[in-house]
């Protein structure tokens, strides 16, 4: 099944760039977690319930990572509103790390 982005000409043109942007953000998020002592697995091909699964002792975190090129996000609340709408529609109760213009916004939906 095609994603929404793959159904339009512009979406198909940008699809590879968006995927690479997302994978880069996942790698940066994993590095942050590893520096803080977490063991991190990155979901292959962005499949599964979360992009990152981080473990430290008995604690487990399932993190959805989003990377966008928009520069209009200035607060955590703005980031939360952005991912709750289309095209993201992140599930409620999900830990989300959004990367935009060199800044991380971390929150739970």
Protein backbone atom coordinates (compact mmCIF):
# COMPACT_ATOMS: atom_id res chain seq x y z
CA UNK A 1 0.00 0.00 0.00
CA UNK A 2 1.34 3.42 -0.95
CA UNK A 3 1.85 6.07 1.66
CA UNK A 4 0.13 9.42 1.28
CA UNK A 5 3.44 10.95 0.14
CA UNK A 6 3.84 8.34 -2.60
CA UNK A 7 0.42 9.09 -4.09
CA UNK A 8 1.38 12.54 -5.42
CA UNK A 9 4.04 13.53 -7.92
CA UNK A 10 5.69 15.94 -5.46
CA UNK A 11 5.54 13.32 -2.74
CA UNK A 12 7.23 10.70 -4.91
CA UNK A 13 9.94 13.20 -5.86
CA UNK A 14 10.69 14.03 -2.20
CA UNK A 15 10.19 10.55 -0.77
CA UNK A 16 13.86 9.52 -0.77
CA UNK A 17 14.96 12.84 0.73
CA UNK A 18 12.35 12.58 3.49
CA UNK A 19 13.37 9.01 4.28
CA UNK A 20 17.05 9.99 4.53
CA UNK A 21 16.19 12.98 6.73
CA UNK A 22 14.25 10.67 9.04
CA UNK A 23 16.98 8.05 9.23
CA UNK A 24 19.54 10.75 10.05
CA UNK A 25 17.34 12.04 12.89
CA UNK A 26 16.90 8.50 14.23
CA UNK A 27 20.68 8.09 14.30
CA UNK A 28 21.15 11.40 16.14
CA UNK A 29 18.44 10.50 18.67
CA UNK A 30 20.05 7.08 19.23
CA UNK A 31 23.43 8.75 19.84
CA UNK A 32 21.88 11.06 22.47
CA UNK A 33 20.31 8.09 24.25
CA UNK A 34 23.53 6.05 24.13
CA UNK A 35 25.48 8.96 25.66
CA UNK A 36 22.95 8.85 28.52
CA UNK A 37 23.62 5.14 29.09
CA UNK A 38 20.70 3.61 27.17
CA UNK A 39 21.05 0.54 24.96
CA UNK A 40 19.29 1.44 21.69
CA UNK A 41 17.87 -0.59 18.81
CA UNK A 42 16.80 1.22 15.64
CA UNK A 43 13.84 -0.38 13.88
CA UNK A 44 14.99 -1.55 10.44
CA UNK A 45 13.25 0.25 7.61
CA UNK A 46 11.18 2.27 10.09
CA UNK A 47 8.94 -0.73 10.64
CA UNK A 48 7.35 -1.71 13.92
CA UNK A 49 5.66 0.14 16.72
CA UNK A 50 8.51 2.60 17.28
CA UNK A 51 11.59 3.92 15.50
CA UNK A 52 13.80 3.42 18.56
CA UNK A 53 13.59 1.00 21.46
CA UNK A 54 15.85 2.10 24.31
CA UNK A 55 16.62 0.00 27.38
CA UNK A 56 18.36 0.86 30.63
CA UNK A 57 18.10 -1.73 33.39
CA UNK A 58 14.40 -2.65 33.60
CA UNK A 59 13.21 0.55 31.90
CA UNK A 60 12.09 0.44 28.26
CA UNK A 61 11.29 3.44 26.07
CA UNK A 62 9.60 3.22 22.67
CA UNK A 63 10.30 6.41 20.79
CA UNK A 64 8.85 7.72 17.53
CA UNK A 65 11.30 10.10 15.81
CA UNK A 66 10.09 12.76 13.38
CA UNK A 67 12.26 15.12 11.35
CA UNK A 68 10.80 18.05 9.48
CA UNK A 69 12.31 20.90 7.55
CA UNK A 70 9.86 23.46 8.90
CA UNK A 71 11.35 26.35 10.80
CA UNK A 72 8.08 27.55 12.35
CA UNK A 73 8.26 25.29 15.40
CA UNK A 74 9.41 27.24 18.43
CA UNK A 75 7.81 25.46 21.40
CA UNK A 76 7.09 21.93 22.57
CA UNK A 77 3.37 22.68 22.31
CA UNK A 78 3.76 23.71 18.66
CA UNK A 79 5.69 20.48 17.99
CA UNK A 80 2.95 18.43 19.67
CA UNK A 81 0.24 20.08 17.54
CA UNK A 82 2.32 19.52 14.39
CA UNK A 83 2.65 15.74 14.79
CA UNK A 84 -0.95 15.19 15.88
CA UNK A 85 -2.19 16.45 12.51
CA UNK A 86 -1.65 15.13 9.00
CA UNK A 87 0.56 13.67 7.65
CA UNK A 88 1.97 12.37 10.96
CA UNK A 89 -1.06 11.46 13.12
CA UNK A 90 1.09 9.98 15.88
CA UNK A 91 -0.82 7.71 18.29
CA UNK A 92 -1.78 8.97 21.72
CA UNK A 93 0.53 8.02 24.57
CA UNK A 94 3.55 7.81 22.26
CA UNK A 95 6.92 9.31 23.23
CA UNK A 96 7.91 11.53 20.32
CA UNK A 97 11.17 13.26 19.52
CA UNK A 98 10.75 15.85 16.77
CA UNK A 99 13.84 17.31 15.10
CA UNK A 100 13.46 20.63 13.29
CA UNK A 101 16.04 23.25 12.33
CA UNK A 102 18.71 21.79 14.63
CA UNK A 103 16.47 21.61 17.71
CA UNK A 104 14.94 18.59 19.47
CA UNK A 105 11.42 18.78 20.88
CA UNK A 106 10.60 15.85 23.21
CA UNK A 107 7.10 15.10 24.44
CA UNK A 108 4.42 12.47 24.91
CA UNK A 109 1.27 12.70 22.82
